[in-house]
């Protein structure tokens, strides 16, 4: 009897330890499978985000464009370099914090930024820069399951006065800056080629009396300055045009439109509503 009791006392801990070991092994297996699934779905999410941004760039960015990308978003470059147009882009790397100001990037010829806003700190950082710097959020993507990268595409500029009107369903006037100089006032127009055109447009800039509509002064200019006319603007190309306003000593509105020969371009707003053949705005 004593021997049997001793044997039982020895065997029971062995069985108990085996049970603990089996539970531990099962737990480790489940944990390993879970980690593999997390890594897999995260990788899929990163790939989906990069692919979505690469496709957007491919349909919205002109060839021979400079694009800066921060390091966490660099996989977008791999996804994007599969077409003849995208292979002409010039990519610039930047630190995860964005490095230079948007104005410095624009001054260096970089018109687009691709940034990673996945983690909370990066998201907060870029949201603050959107508010403080002249940059425009164009597109952002995160997988529906919110797994993987949260990427965004930005312009390195933001017009002081947005307009977002389209001329003849081809040229988009994004907006303008007002530039005060010693010689007077200039307007810097931001254009985007939504669709190529065979028309060679001239812009008419009329300064009119806000009460009577009477013409006070006029400044017409060929878009592209004659060296880069509108029929040579490439698909999705961004063009910046400056016009010097005539000196006027009384209040005025700017009446602006495009024409070729004797035909004025039809203007629509961002919703497709017709606006006629000119727009009025204050300098």
C-alpha atoms as a PDB file:
ATOM      1  CA  UNK A   1       0.000   0.000   0.000  1.00  0.00           C
ATOM      2  CA  UNK A   2       2.767   2.435   0.918  1.00  0.00           C
ATOM      3  CA  UNK A   3       4.557   1.683  -2.352  1.00  0.00           C
ATOM      4  CA  UNK A   4       1.359   2.325  -4.353  1.00  0.00           C
ATOM      5  CA  UNK A   5       0.839   5.638  -2.599  1.00  0.00           C
ATOM      6  CA  UNK A   6       4.402   6.738  -3.408  1.00  0.00           C
ATOM      7  CA  UNK A   7       3.989   5.745  -7.085  1.00  0.00           C
ATOM      8  CA  UNK A   8       0.774   7.763  -7.356  1.00  0.00           C
ATOM      9  CA  UNK A   9       2.408  10.793  -5.745  1.00  0.00           C
ATOM     10  CA  UNK A  10       5.174  10.669  -8.399  1.00  0.00           C
ATOM     11  CA  UNK A  11       2.958   9.968 -11.445  1.00  0.00           C
ATOM     12  CA  UNK A  12       0.321  12.662 -10.784  1.00  0.00           C
ATOM     13  CA  UNK A  13       2.802  15.618 -11.016  1.00  0.00           C
ATOM     14  CA  UNK A  14       4.140  14.090 -14.230  1.00  0.00           C
ATOM     15  CA  UNK A  15       0.649  14.071 -15.777  1.00  0.00           C
ATOM     16  CA  UNK A  16       0.015  17.568 -14.409  1.00  0.00           C
ATOM     17  CA  UNK A  17       3.261  18.902 -15.907  1.00  0.00           C
ATOM     18  CA  UNK A  18       2.424  17.256 -19.217  1.00  0.00           C
ATOM     19  CA  UNK A  19      -0.952  19.010 -19.218  1.00  0.00           C
ATOM     20  CA  UNK A  20       0.688  22.374 -18.507  1.00  0.00           C
ATOM     21  CA  UNK A  21       3.195  21.715 -21.279  1.00  0.00           C
ATOM     22  CA  UNK A  22       0.433  20.884 -23.766  1.00  0.00           C
ATOM     23  CA  UNK A  23      -1.463  24.069 -22.863  1.00  0.00           C
ATOM     24  CA  UNK A  24       1.737  26.078 -23.228  1.00  0.00           C
ATOM     25  CA  UNK A  25       2.492  24.558 -26.640  1.00  0.00           C
ATOM     26  CA  UNK A  26      -1.044  25.211 -27.849  1.00  0.00           C
ATOM     27  CA  UNK A  27      -0.862  28.796 -26.589  1.00  0.00           C
ATOM     28  CA  UNK A  28       2.428  29.356 -28.373  1.00  0.00           C
ATOM     29  CA  UNK A  29       1.010  27.903 -31.587  1.00  0.00           C
ATOM     30  CA  UNK A  30      -2.040  30.148 -31.425  1.00  0.00           C
ATOM     31  CA  UNK A  31       0.164  33.165 -30.679  1.00  0.00           C
ATOM     32  CA  UNK A  32       2.458  32.318 -33.590  1.00  0.00           C
ATOM     33  CA  UNK A  33      -0.484  31.929 -35.972  1.00  0.00           C
ATOM     34  CA  UNK A  34      -1.901  35.222 -34.716  1.00  0.00           C
ATOM     35  CA  UNK A  35       1.408  37.013 -35.286  1.00  0.00           C
ATOM     36  CA  UNK A  36       1.682  35.551 -38.787  1.00  0.00           C
ATOM     37  CA  UNK A  37      -1.854  36.713 -39.590  1.00  0.00           C
ATOM     38  CA  UNK A  38      -1.158  40.208 -38.231  1.00  0.00           C
ATOM     39  CA  UNK A  39       2.049  40.453 -40.275  1.00  0.00           C
ATOM     40  CA  UNK A  40       0.259  39.111 -43.361  1.00  0.00           C
ATOM     41  CA  UNK A  41      -2.718  41.474 -43.163  1.00  0.00           C
ATOM     42  CA  UNK A  42      -0.463  44.421 -42.293  1.00  0.00           C
ATOM     43  CA  UNK A  43       1.668  43.672 -45.359  1.00  0.00           C
ATOM     44  CA  UNK A  44      -1.463  43.387 -47.489  1.00  0.00           C
ATOM     45  CA  UNK A  45      -2.715  46.691 -46.053  1.00  0.00           C
ATOM     46  CA  UNK A  46       0.597  48.422 -46.843  1.00  0.00           C
ATOM     47  CA  UNK A  47       0.532  47.015 -50.379  1.00  0.00           C
ATOM     48  CA  UNK A  48      -3.095  48.087 -50.912  1.00  0.00           C
ATOM     49  CA  UNK A  49      -2.401  51.620 -49.687  1.00  0.00           C
ATOM     50  CA  UNK A  50       0.708  51.946 -51.832  1.00  0.00           C
ATOM     51  CA  UNK A  51      -1.096  50.547 -54.860  1.00  0.00           C
ATOM     52  CA  UNK A  52      -4.066  52.895 -54.412  1.00  0.00           C
ATOM     53  CA  UNK A  53      -1.793  55.942 -54.137  1.00  0.00           C
ATOM     54  CA  UNK A  54       0.321  54.803 -57.097  1.00  0.00           C
ATOM     55  CA  UNK A  55      -2.814  54.449 -59.234  1.00  0.00           C
ATOM     56  CA  UNK A  56      -4.035  57.892 -58.189  1.00  0.00           C
ATOM     57  CA  UNK A  57      -0.686  59.429 -59.086  1.00  0.00           C
ATOM     58  CA  UNK A  58      -0.779  57.671 -62.441  1.00  0.00           C
ATOM     59  CA  UNK A  59      -4.074  59.334 -63.381  1.00  0.00           C
ATOM     60  CA  UNK A  60      -3.478  62.784 -61.884  1.00  0.00           C
ATOM     61  CA  UNK A  61       0.220  63.635 -62.247  1.00  0.00           C
ATOM     62  CA  UNK A  62       1.927  64.781 -65.431  1.00  0.00           C
ATOM     63  CA  UNK A  63       5.049  63.172 -66.801  1.00  0.00           C
ATOM     64  CA  UNK A  64       8.440  64.611 -65.846  1.00  0.00           C
ATOM     65  CA  UNK A  65       7.067  65.722 -62.458  1.00  0.00           C
ATOM     66  CA  UNK A  66       9.139  65.890 -59.285  1.00  0.00           C
ATOM     67  CA  UNK A  67       7.599  64.021 -56.345  1.00  0.00           C
ATOM     68  CA  UNK A  68       8.982  63.900 -52.808  1.00  0.00           C
ATOM     69  CA  UNK A  69       8.181  60.849 -50.685  1.00  0.00           C
ATOM     70  CA  UNK A  70       8.917  60.265 -47.019  1.00  0.00           C
ATOM     71  CA  UNK A  71      10.688  57.056 -46.074  1.00  0.00           C
ATOM     72  CA  UNK A  72       7.692  55.135 -44.609  1.00  0.00           C
ATOM     73  CA  UNK A  73       5.796  55.714 -47.889  1.00  0.00           C
ATOM     74  CA  UNK A  74       8.650  54.763 -50.205  1.00  0.00           C
ATOM     75  CA  UNK A  75       6.953  51.486 -51.256  1.00  0.00           C
ATOM     76  CA  UNK A  76       4.682  53.713 -53.362  1.00  0.00           C
ATOM     77  CA  UNK A  77       7.640  54.341 -55.666  1.00  0.00           C
ATOM     78  CA  UNK A  78       7.903  50.615 -56.382  1.00  0.00           C
ATOM     79  CA  UNK A  79       4.186  50.343 -57.104  1.00  0.00           C
ATOM     80  CA  UNK A  80       4.188  53.446 -59.305  1.00  0.00           C
ATOM     81  CA  UNK A  81       7.157  52.634 -61.550  1.00  0.00           C
ATOM     82  CA  UNK A  82       5.259  50.308 -63.886  1.00  0.00           C
ATOM     83  CA  UNK A  83       4.196  52.726 -66.627  1.00  0.00           C
ATOM     84  CA  UNK A  84       5.861  54.855 -69.275  1.00  0.00           C
ATOM     85  CA  UNK A  85       4.557  58.061 -67.676  1.00  0.00           C
ATOM     86  CA  UNK A  86       5.562  57.242 -64.110  1.00  0.00           C
ATOM     87  CA  UNK A  87       9.047  56.233 -65.215  1.00  0.00           C
ATOM     88  CA  UNK A  88       9.650  59.853 -66.207  1.00  0.00           C
ATOM     89  CA  UNK A  89       8.926  61.113 -62.677  1.00  0.00           C
ATOM     90  CA  UNK A  90      11.797  62.290 -60.545  1.00  0.00           C
ATOM     91  CA  UNK A  91      11.511  61.020 -56.990  1.00  0.00           C
ATOM     92  CA  UNK A  92      13.032  62.843 -54.048  1.00  0.00           C
ATOM     93  CA  UNK A  93      13.446  61.266 -50.629  1.00  0.00           C
ATOM     94  CA  UNK A  94      12.719  63.079 -47.399  1.00  0.00           C
ATOM     95  CA  UNK A  95      12.861  62.319 -43.698  1.00  0.00           C
ATOM     96  CA  UNK A  96       9.780  61.051 -41.922  1.00  0.00           C
ATOM     97  CA  UNK A  97       9.180  64.531 -40.517  1.00  0.00           C
ATOM     98  CA  UNK A  98       9.041  66.082 -43.981  1.00  0.00           C
ATOM     99  CA  UNK A  99      12.275  68.036 -43.683  1.00  0.00           C
ATOM    100  CA  UNK A 100      11.970  71.203 -45.749  1.00  0.00           C
ATOM    101  CA  UNK A 101       8.974  73.512 -45.817  1.00  0.00           C
ATOM    102  CA  UNK A 102       6.449  73.128 -48.611  1.00  0.00           C
ATOM    103  CA  UNK A 103       7.603  76.440 -50.099  1.00  0.00           C
ATOM    104  CA  UNK A 104      11.189  75.153 -50.176  1.00  0.00           C
ATOM    105  CA  UNK A 105      10.048  71.991 -51.929  1.00  0.00           C
ATOM    106  CA  UNK A 106       8.099  74.026 -54.480  1.00  0.00           C
ATOM    107  CA  UNK A 107      11.083  76.293 -55.018  1.00  0.00           C
ATOM    108  CA  UNK A 108      13.082  73.167 -55.824  1.00  0.00           C
ATOM    109  CA  UNK A 109      10.517  72.133 -58.431  1.00  0.00           C
ATOM    110  CA  UNK A 110       8.746  69.532 -56.269  1.00  0.00           C
ATOM    111  CA  UNK A 111       4.982  69.869 -56.749  1.00  0.00           C
ATOM    112  CA  UNK A 112       3.758  66.723 -54.972  1.00  0.00           C
ATOM    113  CA  UNK A 113       4.475  65.106 -51.608  1.00  0.00           C
ATOM    114  CA  UNK A 114       3.573  61.532 -50.646  1.00  0.00           C
ATOM    115  CA  UNK A 115       3.515  61.154 -46.861  1.00  0.00           C
ATOM    116  CA  UNK A 116       2.743  58.444 -44.332  1.00  0.00           C
ATOM    117  CA  UNK A 117       0.204  59.390 -41.646  1.00  0.00           C
ATOM    118  CA  UNK A 118      -0.233  55.926 -40.147  1.00  0.00           C
ATOM    119  CA  UNK A 119       0.829  56.438 -36.557  1.00  0.00           C
ATOM    120  CA  UNK A 120      -0.759  59.044 -34.317  1.00  0.00           C
ATOM    121  CA  UNK A 121       2.359  61.194 -34.031  1.00  0.00           C
ATOM    122  CA  UNK A 122       2.825  61.401 -37.826  1.00  0.00           C
ATOM    123  CA  UNK A 123      -0.857  62.146 -38.365  1.00  0.00           C
ATOM    124  CA  UNK A 124      -0.762  64.957 -35.819  1.00  0.00           C
ATOM    125  CA  UNK A 125       2.448  66.321 -37.301  1.00  0.00           C
ATOM    126  CA  UNK A 126       1.072  66.512 -40.848  1.00  0.00           C
ATOM    127  CA  UNK A 127      -2.282  67.895 -39.735  1.00  0.00           C
ATOM    128  CA  UNK A 128      -0.414  70.756 -38.063  1.00  0.00           C
ATOM    129  CA  UNK A 129       1.612  71.375 -41.213  1.00  0.00           C
ATOM    130  CA  UNK A 130      -1.584  71.417 -43.325  1.00  0.00           C
ATOM    131  CA  UNK A 131      -2.840  74.221 -41.104  1.00  0.00           C
ATOM    132  CA  UNK A 132       0.412  76.189 -40.916  1.00  0.00           C
ATOM    133  CA  UNK A 133       1.924  75.833 -44.391  1.00  0.00           C
ATOM    134  CA  UNK A 134       0.632  76.480 -47.916  1.00  0.00           C
ATOM    135  CA  UNK A 135       0.019  72.890 -48.951  1.00  0.00           C
ATOM    136  CA  UNK A 136      -3.103  71.192 -50.314  1.00  0.00           C
ATOM    137  CA  UNK A 137      -4.360  67.730 -49.360  1.00  0.00           C
ATOM    138  CA  UNK A 138      -5.384  66.033 -52.617  1.00  0.00           C
ATOM    139  CA  UNK A 139      -5.876  62.370 -51.806  1.00  0.00           C
ATOM    140  CA  UNK A 140      -5.517  59.966 -48.916  1.00  0.00           C
ATOM    141  CA  UNK A 141      -6.026  56.240 -48.560  1.00  0.00           C
ATOM    142  CA  UNK A 142      -6.180  53.704 -45.763  1.00  0.00           C
ATOM    143  CA  UNK A 143      -7.382  50.123 -46.165  1.00  0.00           C
ATOM    144  CA  UNK A 144     -11.026  49.540 -45.130  1.00  0.00           C
ATOM    145  CA  UNK A 145      -9.884  47.393 -42.189  1.00  0.00           C
ATOM    146  CA  UNK A 146      -7.584  50.248 -41.114  1.00  0.00           C
ATOM    147  CA  UNK A 147      -4.647  47.850 -41.277  1.00  0.00           C
ATOM    148  CA  UNK A 148      -1.495  48.965 -43.016  1.00  0.00           C
ATOM    149  CA  UNK A 149      -0.413  52.397 -44.184  1.00  0.00           C
ATOM    150  CA  UNK A 150      -2.433  55.601 -44.138  1.00  0.00           C
ATOM    151  CA  UNK A 151      -0.938  57.550 -47.046  1.00  0.00           C
ATOM    152  CA  UNK A 152      -1.683  61.042 -48.355  1.00  0.00           C
ATOM    153  CA  UNK A 153      -0.777  63.025 -51.472  1.00  0.00           C
ATOM    154  CA  UNK A 154      -0.246  66.793 -51.196  1.00  0.00           C
ATOM    155  CA  UNK A 155       0.434  69.738 -53.423  1.00  0.00           C
ATOM    156  CA  UNK A 156       3.344  71.833 -52.150  1.00  0.00           C
ATOM    157  CA  UNK A 157       1.244  74.966 -52.595  1.00  0.00           C
ATOM    158  CA  UNK A 158      -2.180  76.308 -51.676  1.00  0.00           C
ATOM    159  CA  UNK A 159      -3.665  79.348 -53.416  1.00  0.00           C
ATOM    160  CA  UNK A 160      -4.610  82.207 -51.121  1.00  0.00           C
ATOM    161  CA  UNK A 161      -7.867  82.509 -53.044  1.00  0.00           C
ATOM    162  CA  UNK A 162      -9.202  79.175 -54.331  1.00  0.00           C
ATOM    163  CA  UNK A 163     -11.498  79.238 -57.372  1.00  0.00           C
ATOM    164  CA  UNK A 164     -11.692  75.666 -58.743  1.00  0.00           C
ATOM    165  CA  UNK A 165     -13.386  76.560 -62.032  1.00  0.00           C
ATOM    166  CA  UNK A 166     -12.941  74.811 -65.379  1.00  0.00           C
ATOM    167  CA  UNK A 167     -12.711  76.363 -68.824  1.00  0.00           C
ATOM    168  CA  UNK A 168     -14.148  74.378 -71.758  1.00  0.00           C
ATOM    169  CA  UNK A 169     -13.911  71.178 -69.691  1.00  0.00           C
ATOM    170  CA  UNK A 170     -10.139  71.212 -70.058  1.00  0.00           C
ATOM    171  CA  UNK A 171      -8.206  73.818 -68.042  1.00  0.00           C
ATOM    172  CA  UNK A 172      -8.851  74.164 -64.303  1.00  0.00           C
ATOM    173  CA  UNK A 173      -8.092  77.448 -62.583  1.00  0.00           C
ATOM    174  CA  UNK A 174      -7.273  76.216 -59.087  1.00  0.00           C
ATOM    175  CA  UNK A 175      -6.943  79.704 -57.606  1.00  0.00           C
ATOM    176  CA  UNK A 176      -4.545  82.597 -57.310  1.00  0.00           C
ATOM    177  CA  UNK A 177      -2.139  84.530 -55.109  1.00  0.00           C
ATOM    178  CA  UNK A 178      -2.036  88.315 -54.827  1.00  0.00           C
ATOM    179  CA  UNK A 179       1.536  89.611 -55.002  1.00  0.00           C
ATOM    180  CA  UNK A 180       2.213  93.189 -53.917  1.00  0.00           C
ATOM    181  CA  UNK A 181       5.312  94.710 -55.513  1.00  0.00           C
ATOM    182  CA  UNK A 182       6.913  98.148 -55.704  1.00  0.00           C
ATOM    183  CA  UNK A 183       5.413  98.548 -59.159  1.00  0.00           C
ATOM    184  CA  UNK A 184       1.882  97.519 -58.244  1.00  0.00           C
ATOM    185  CA  UNK A 185      -0.131  94.319 -57.915  1.00  0.00           C
ATOM    186  CA  UNK A 186       0.383  90.977 -59.607  1.00  0.00           C
ATOM    187  CA  UNK A 187      -1.800  87.887 -59.681  1.00  0.00           C
ATOM    188  CA  UNK A 188      -0.221  84.445 -59.710  1.00  0.00           C
ATOM    189  CA  UNK A 189      -2.685  81.978 -61.260  1.00  0.00           C
ATOM    190  CA  UNK A 190      -2.492  78.231 -60.569  1.00  0.00           C
ATOM    191  CA  UNK A 191      -3.633  76.136 -63.559  1.00  0.00           C
ATOM    192  CA  UNK A 192      -4.164  72.388 -63.897  1.00  0.00           C
ATOM    193  CA  UNK A 193      -4.629  70.586 -67.216  1.00  0.00           C
ATOM    194  CA  UNK A 194      -7.594  68.330 -66.581  1.00  0.00           C
ATOM    195  CA  UNK A 195      -7.790  67.511 -70.277  1.00  0.00           C
ATOM    196  CA  UNK A 196      -5.541  68.531 -73.139  1.00  0.00           C
ATOM    197  CA  UNK A 197      -6.848  71.071 -75.623  1.00  0.00           C
ATOM    198  CA  UNK A 198      -6.081  72.132 -79.189  1.00  0.00           C
ATOM    199  CA  UNK A 199      -7.108  75.699 -78.370  1.00  0.00           C
ATOM    200  CA  UNK A 200      -4.531  78.445 -77.871  1.00  0.00           C
ATOM    201  CA  UNK A 201      -6.156  80.535 -75.161  1.00  0.00           C
ATOM    202  CA  UNK A 202      -5.645  84.146 -74.222  1.00  0.00           C
ATOM    203  CA  UNK A 203      -6.783  85.358 -70.809  1.00  0.00           C
ATOM    204  CA  UNK A 204      -8.648  88.635 -70.560  1.00  0.00           C
ATOM    205  CA  UNK A 205      -8.297  90.493 -67.282  1.00  0.00           C
ATOM    206  CA  UNK A 206     -10.756  93.383 -67.012  1.00  0.00           C
ATOM    207  CA  UNK A 207     -10.798  95.737 -64.053  1.00  0.00           C
ATOM    208  CA  UNK A 208     -14.379  96.928 -63.753  1.00  0.00           C
ATOM    209  CA  UNK A 209     -16.281  99.303 -61.516  1.00  0.00           C
ATOM    210  CA  UNK A 210     -18.052  97.182 -58.844  1.00  0.00           C
ATOM    211  CA  UNK A 211     -21.176  99.385 -59.013  1.00  0.00           C
ATOM    212  CA  UNK A 212     -21.648 100.041 -62.720  1.00  0.00           C
ATOM    213  CA  UNK A 213     -19.556  97.310 -64.359  1.00  0.00           C
ATOM    214  CA  UNK A 214     -17.785  99.949 -66.443  1.00  0.00           C
ATOM    215  CA  UNK A 215     -14.367  98.957 -67.754  1.00  0.00           C
ATOM    216  CA  UNK A 216     -11.601 100.802 -65.882  1.00  0.00           C
ATOM    217  CA  UNK A 217      -8.525  99.022 -67.268  1.00  0.00           C
ATOM    218  CA  UNK A 218      -7.587  95.869 -69.111  1.00  0.00           C
ATOM    219  CA  UNK A 219      -4.730  93.350 -69.229  1.00  0.00           C
ATOM    220  CA  UNK A 220      -4.907  90.514 -71.756  1.00  0.00           C
ATOM    221  CA  UNK A 221      -2.215  87.835 -71.827  1.00  0.00           C
ATOM    222  CA  UNK A 222      -1.531  84.712 -73.863  1.00  0.00           C
ATOM    223  CA  UNK A 223      -1.413  81.772 -71.466  1.00  0.00           C
ATOM    224  CA  UNK A 224       2.041  80.274 -71.508  1.00  0.00           C
ATOM    225  CA  UNK A 225       3.571  83.571 -72.540  1.00  0.00           C
ATOM    226  CA  UNK A 226       3.774  82.475 -76.159  1.00  0.00           C
ATOM    227  CA  UNK A 227       6.533  79.940 -75.450  1.00  0.00           C
ATOM    228  CA  UNK A 228       4.287  77.337 -73.813  1.00  0.00           C
ATOM    229  CA  UNK A 229       0.774  77.882 -75.277  1.00  0.00           C
ATOM    230  CA  UNK A 230      -2.177  75.934 -73.947  1.00  0.00           C
ATOM    231  CA  UNK A 231      -2.238  73.485 -76.870  1.00  0.00           C
ATOM    232  CA  UNK A 232       1.154  72.207 -75.610  1.00  0.00           C
ATOM    233  CA  UNK A 233       0.111  71.750 -71.980  1.00  0.00           C
ATOM    234  CA  UNK A 234       0.504  68.093 -71.037  1.00  0.00           C
ATOM    235  CA  UNK A 235      -2.176  65.950 -69.363  1.00  0.00           C
ATOM    236  CA  UNK A 236      -2.298  66.751 -65.616  1.00  0.00           C
ATOM    237  CA  UNK A 237       0.335  69.469 -65.965  1.00  0.00           C
ATOM    238  CA  UNK A 238       0.474  72.257 -63.388  1.00  0.00           C
ATOM    239  CA  UNK A 239       1.179  75.711 -64.830  1.00  0.00           C
ATOM    240  CA  UNK A 240       1.780  78.932 -62.894  1.00  0.00           C
ATOM    241  CA  UNK A 241       1.033  82.201 -64.702  1.00  0.00           C
ATOM    242  CA  UNK A 242       1.672  85.740 -63.484  1.00  0.00           C
ATOM    243  CA  UNK A 243      -0.170  88.833 -64.717  1.00  0.00           C
ATOM    244  CA  UNK A 244       0.572  92.459 -63.820  1.00  0.00           C
ATOM    245  CA  UNK A 245      -2.573  94.440 -63.052  1.00  0.00           C
ATOM    246  CA  UNK A 246      -2.892  97.980 -64.437  1.00  0.00           C
ATOM    247  CA  UNK A 247      -2.789 100.753 -61.854  1.00  0.00           C
ATOM    248  CA  UNK A 248      -6.290 101.923 -60.908  1.00  0.00           C
ATOM    249  CA  UNK A 249      -7.005 104.553 -58.261  1.00  0.00           C
ATOM    250  CA  UNK A 250     -10.569 103.498 -57.477  1.00  0.00           C
ATOM    251  CA  UNK A 251     -12.158 100.279 -56.160  1.00  0.00           C
ATOM    252  CA  UNK A 252     -12.544  97.558 -58.770  1.00  0.00           C
ATOM    253  CA  UNK A 253     -13.499  93.958 -59.436  1.00  0.00           C
ATOM    254  CA  UNK A 254     -11.488  91.640 -61.643  1.00  0.00           C
ATOM    255  CA  UNK A 255     -13.473  90.127 -64.515  1.00  0.00           C
ATOM    256  CA  UNK A 256     -11.598  87.253 -66.032  1.00  0.00           C
ATOM    257  CA  UNK A 257     -12.070  84.660 -68.753  1.00  0.00           C
ATOM    258  CA  UNK A 258     -10.377  82.891 -71.664  1.00  0.00           C
ATOM    259  CA  UNK A 259     -10.857  83.224 -75.401  1.00  0.00           C
ATOM    260  CA  UNK A 260      -9.425  82.080 -78.687  1.00  0.00           C
ATOM    261  CA  UNK A 261     -10.066  84.196 -81.754  1.00  0.00           C
ATOM    262  CA  UNK A 262     -13.588  85.547 -81.123  1.00  0.00           C
ATOM    263  CA  UNK A 263     -14.830  82.609 -79.047  1.00  0.00           C
ATOM    264  CA  UNK A 264     -14.881  82.760 -75.244  1.00  0.00           C
ATOM    265  CA  UNK A 265     -14.431  79.600 -73.192  1.00  0.00           C
ATOM    266  CA  UNK A 266     -17.402  78.255 -71.238  1.00  0.00           C
ATOM    267  CA  UNK A 267     -16.809  78.113 -67.479  1.00  0.00           C
ATOM    268  CA  UNK A 268     -18.172  75.573 -64.986  1.00  0.00           C
ATOM    269  CA  UNK A 269     -17.736  75.259 -61.231  1.00  0.00           C
ATOM    270  CA  UNK A 270     -16.523  72.177 -59.341  1.00  0.00           C
ATOM    271  CA  UNK A 271     -20.051  70.731 -59.437  1.00  0.00           C
ATOM    272  CA  UNK A 272     -20.357  71.167 -63.195  1.00  0.00           C
ATOM    273  CA  UNK A 273     -22.719  74.147 -62.993  1.00  0.00           C
ATOM    274  CA  UNK A 274     -22.430  76.672 -65.836  1.00  0.00           C
ATOM    275  CA  UNK A 275     -20.999  80.066 -64.865  1.00  0.00           C
ATOM    276  CA  UNK A 276     -21.063  81.758 -68.257  1.00  0.00           C
ATOM    277  CA  UNK A 277     -17.964  83.048 -70.029  1.00  0.00           C
ATOM    278  CA  UNK A 278     -16.353  85.052 -67.210  1.00  0.00           C
ATOM    279  CA  UNK A 279     -15.905  85.143 -63.448  1.00  0.00           C
ATOM    280  CA  UNK A 280     -15.688  88.167 -61.144  1.00  0.00           C
ATOM    281  CA  UNK A 281     -13.504  88.295 -58.029  1.00  0.00           C
ATOM    282  CA  UNK A 282     -11.803  90.830 -55.789  1.00  0.00           C
ATOM    283  CA  UNK A 283      -8.014  91.292 -55.767  1.00  0.00           C
END
